[in-house]
Structures are given as structure tokens and as C-alpha cells.
Amino acid sequence: MIQLTINDQIQHFESPINVTQLIDCLALQGKRIAIERNGEIIPRSQFTEQILVDGDQLEVVVAVGGG
């Protein structure tokens, strides 16, 4: 089991997952998002290859339209 901190909330997962799987778990598919892992932005092109591991700190920001 791994522990991730996502937007200051601790969440547990059975095993390491990639960013694409995390997006699915958080029901954020199709939304405009930015993800920061341990202080560094993850490019969208690397979501599938970036494996999240125990202790990672994530900030997930969802873009909101409007004006």
C-alpha cells in the first residue's frame, strides 16, 4: 500500500500508480488540469510514464473557465 498526499489530504492506494490512473481515480478525465509532484510540474505528455510512489506530495489544479 502507498500513501500519497493530494492537495494536503492523505489518500491510500493498493500499489504504485501512474498519473493517468490517478486522474481516473479522482474522476478528472477530460478536465483541464495541472499536476505538481514534489514541487515540479508534470508535463501532460508524461502522465502515463510518471509512476507515483509512497510519500509523493501532489497538488492538482483544475482550470475553471469564466471571466
Protein backbone atom coordinates (compact mmCIF):
# COMPACT_ATOMS: atom_id res chain seq x y z
CA MET A 1 0.00 0.00 0.00
CA ILE A 2 1.23 3.52 -0.76
CA GLN A 3 0.29 6.86 0.75
CA LEU A 4 0.00 9.98 -1.40
CA THR A 5 -0.76 13.48 -0.19
CA ILE A 6 -3.07 15.10 -2.73
CA ASN A 7 -3.95 18.76 -2.14
CA ASP A 8 -3.00 18.36 1.54
CA GLN A 9 -5.21 15.27 2.00
CA ILE A 10 -3.73 11.82 2.58
CA GLN A 11 -5.00 9.07 0.30
CA HIS A 12 -4.03 5.41 0.17
CA PHE A 13 -3.68 3.18 -2.89
CA GLU A 14 -3.05 -0.56 -3.11
CA SER A 15 0.11 -0.18 -5.22
CA PRO A 16 2.08 2.46 -7.11
CA ILE A 17 0.01 4.06 -9.89
CA ASN A 18 0.78 6.40 -12.76
CA VAL A 19 -0.63 9.90 -13.12
CA THR A 20 -3.20 8.80 -15.74
CA GLN A 21 -4.56 6.20 -13.30
CA LEU A 22 -4.70 8.83 -10.56
CA ILE A 23 -6.72 11.13 -12.82
CA ASP A 24 -9.17 8.26 -13.39
CA CYS A 25 -9.39 7.57 -9.63
CA LEU A 26 -10.13 11.25 -8.97
CA ALA A 27 -12.74 11.35 -11.79
CA LEU A 28 -10.89 14.19 -13.54
CA GLN A 29 -10.65 12.69 -17.04
CA GLY A 30 -11.40 15.23 -19.76
CA LYS A 31 -10.81 18.22 -17.48
CA ARG A 32 -8.07 20.80 -17.90
CA ILE A 33 -5.70 20.10 -15.04
CA ALA A 34 -2.16 20.71 -13.92
CA ILE A 35 -0.35 18.35 -11.57
CA GLU A 36 2.66 19.17 -9.45
CA ARG A 37 4.64 16.31 -7.90
CA ASN A 38 7.05 17.10 -5.08
CA GLY A 39 7.36 20.71 -6.28
CA GLU A 40 7.73 20.03 -10.01
CA ILE A 41 5.06 20.30 -12.72
CA ILE A 42 4.47 17.05 -14.60
CA PRO A 43 4.05 17.64 -18.36
CA ARG A 44 0.82 16.13 -19.72
CA SER A 45 2.91 14.11 -22.20
CA GLN A 46 4.48 12.26 -19.23
CA PHE A 47 1.30 11.40 -17.30
CA THR A 48 1.38 7.74 -18.35
CA GLU A 49 5.06 7.18 -17.61
CA GLN A 50 5.22 9.05 -14.26
CA ILE A 51 4.77 6.40 -11.56
CA LEU A 52 3.67 7.78 -8.19
CA VAL A 53 5.26 6.19 -5.13
CA ASP A 54 4.77 6.16 -1.39
CA GLY A 55 5.21 9.61 0.13
CA ASP A 56 4.71 11.68 -3.03
CA GLN A 57 3.19 15.12 -2.43
CA LEU A 58 0.82 16.22 -5.19
CA GLU A 59 -1.05 19.40 -5.99
CA VAL A 60 -3.84 19.00 -8.52
CA VAL A 61 -5.28 22.18 -10.00
CA VAL A 62 -8.39 22.16 -12.18
CA ALA A 63 -8.76 25.06 -14.59
CA VAL A 64 -12.08 26.87 -14.27
CA GLY A 65 -13.47 28.94 -17.14
CA GLY A 66 -15.16 32.23 -16.69
CA GLY A 67 -14.45 35.86 -16.77
